[in-house]
Each structure stands twice: as C-alpha cells, then as structure tokens.
C-alpha atoms as a PDB file:
ATOM      1  CA  MET A   1      -5.691  11.495  14.790  1.00  0.00           C
ATOM      2  CA  ALA A   2      -6.470   7.359  14.010  1.00  0.00           C
ATOM      3  CA  LYS A   3      -4.914   5.640  11.118  1.00  0.00           C
ATOM      4  CA  TYR A   4      -6.989   3.282   8.756  1.00  0.00           C
ATOM      5  CA  TYR A   5      -5.372  -0.026   7.667  1.00  0.00           C
ATOM      6  CA  PHE A   6      -6.540  -2.520   4.905  1.00  0.00           C
ATOM      7  CA  ASN A   7      -6.674  -6.148   6.385  1.00  0.00           C
ATOM      8  CA  THR A   8      -5.298  -8.363   3.759  1.00  0.00           C
ATOM      9  CA  LYS A   9      -6.631 -11.510   5.172  1.00  0.00           C
ATOM     10  CA  THR A  10     -10.460 -10.374   5.730  1.00  0.00           C
ATOM     11  CA  GLY A  11     -10.378  -7.692   2.820  1.00  0.00           C
ATOM     12  CA  GLN A  12     -11.698  -4.887   5.308  1.00  0.00           C
ATOM     13  CA  VAL A  13     -10.752  -1.440   6.457  1.00  0.00           C
ATOM     14  CA  VAL A  14      -9.967  -1.287  10.106  1.00  0.00           C
ATOM     15  CA  LYS A  15      -9.352   1.741  12.337  1.00  0.00           C
ATOM     16  CA  GLY A  16      -6.184   1.408  14.405  1.00  0.00           C
ATOM     17  CA  GLY A  17      -3.759  -1.109  14.122  1.00  0.00           C
ATOM     18  CA  LEU A  18      -4.722  -3.548  16.464  1.00  0.00           C
ATOM     19  CA  PHE A  19      -3.904  -6.769  14.483  1.00  0.00           C
ATOM     20  CA  SER A  20      -0.906  -8.504  12.879  1.00  0.00           C
ATOM     21  CA  TRP A  21       1.228  -6.751  10.718  1.00  0.00           C
ATOM     22  CA  TRP A  22       1.385  -9.911   8.462  1.00  0.00           C
ATOM     23  CA  ASN A  23      -1.984  -8.976   7.447  1.00  0.00           C
ATOM     24  CA  LYS A  24      -1.877  -5.368   7.550  1.00  0.00           C
ATOM     25  CA  MET A  25      -1.302  -2.487   4.925  1.00  0.00           C
ATOM     26  CA  GLY A  26      -1.100   1.301   5.946  1.00  0.00           C
ATOM     27  CA  PRO A  27      -1.508   3.324   7.644  1.00  0.00           C
ATOM     28  CA  TYR A  28      -3.672   5.661   5.481  1.00  0.00           C
ATOM     29  CA  ASP A  29      -5.525   8.820   6.794  1.00  0.00           C
ATOM     30  CA  THR A  30      -9.016   8.028   5.496  1.00  0.00           C
ATOM     31  CA  PRO A  31     -10.999   4.405   5.136  1.00  0.00           C
ATOM     32  CA  GLN A  32     -11.454   5.305   1.346  1.00  0.00           C
ATOM     33  CA  GLU A  33      -7.813   5.590   0.958  1.00  0.00           C
ATOM     34  CA  ALA A  34      -7.313   2.070   2.989  1.00  0.00           C
ATOM     35  CA  ALA A  35      -9.852   0.301   0.770  1.00  0.00           C
ATOM     36  CA  ARG A  36      -7.640   1.447  -2.199  1.00  0.00           C
ATOM     37  CA  ALA A  37      -4.539  -0.137  -0.708  1.00  0.00           C
ATOM     38  CA  LEU A  38      -4.160  -2.910  -3.150  1.00  0.00           C
ATOM     39  CA  ASP A  39      -4.576  -0.511  -6.134  1.00  0.00           C
ATOM     40  CA  ILE A  40      -2.194   1.941  -4.415  1.00  0.00           C
ATOM     41  CA  ALA A  41       0.619  -0.596  -3.723  1.00  0.00           C
ATOM     42  CA  ARG A  42       0.271  -1.911  -7.582  1.00  0.00           C
ATOM     43  CA  GLN A  43       0.571   1.562  -8.743  1.00  0.00           C
ATOM     44  CA  ARG A  44       3.747   2.307  -6.856  1.00  0.00           C
ATOM     45  CA  THR A  45       5.189  -0.989  -7.779  1.00  0.00           C
ATOM     46  CA  GLN A  46       4.541  -0.090 -11.309  1.00  0.00           C
ATOM     47  CA  ALA A  47       6.154   3.328 -10.979  1.00  0.00           C
ATOM     48  CA  TRP A  48       9.100   1.752  -9.481  1.00  0.00           C
ATOM     49  CA  ASP A  49       9.743  -0.587 -11.947  1.00  0.00           C
ATOM     50  CA  GLU A  50       9.724   1.857 -14.527  1.00  0.00           C
ATOM     51  CA  GLN A  51      12.038   4.214 -12.582  1.00  0.00           C
ATOM     52  CA  THR A  52      14.404   0.900 -12.225  1.00  0.00           C
ATOM     53  CA  GLU A  53      14.155   0.234 -16.067  1.00  0.00           C
ATOM     54  CA  GLU A  54      15.052   4.045 -16.972  1.00  0.00           C
ATOM     55  CA  PHE A  55      18.108   3.627 -14.647  1.00  0.00           C
ATOM     56  CA  GLU A  56      19.080   0.513 -16.087  1.00  0.00           C
ATOM     57  CA  ASP A  57      18.618   1.772 -19.548  1.00  0.00           C
ATOM     58  CA  ASN A  58      20.903   5.024 -18.635  1.00  0.00           C
ATOM     59  CA  ASP A  59      23.607   3.378 -16.924  1.00  0.00           C
ATOM     60  CA  ASP A  60      24.945   1.768 -20.117  1.00  0.00           C
END
C-alpha cells in the first residue's frame, strides 16, 4: 500500500517517497493525515514536553 508524505518545502502532500528526506514528513496512511503533518508533529511535541515535565517533577 502506498504511503503519503508531507513535503515541507512545497507544502504539498505527495504519494510515495521519491524526494529528499530533508523535506519529508511521514509516512502517513492517507493524504488527509499527511496534510495534517505539522499539526500532528506539534501535538506530539507538546505531549512529549508534558511527559518530560511530569518525569522531572516526580524525580525530586
């Protein structure tokens, strides 16, 4: 099954991975999911930051 990627250089969703990894986010199962790549990354980063804060607070 083909995967979809978000090209950070062009802002477009592409099918398959035939371009540089420097400009690629993914893979995603659907083009809709790939289109949300920046939002997904932002949400994951926020969740990781919250987990890190909890870990550091409990480390005392």
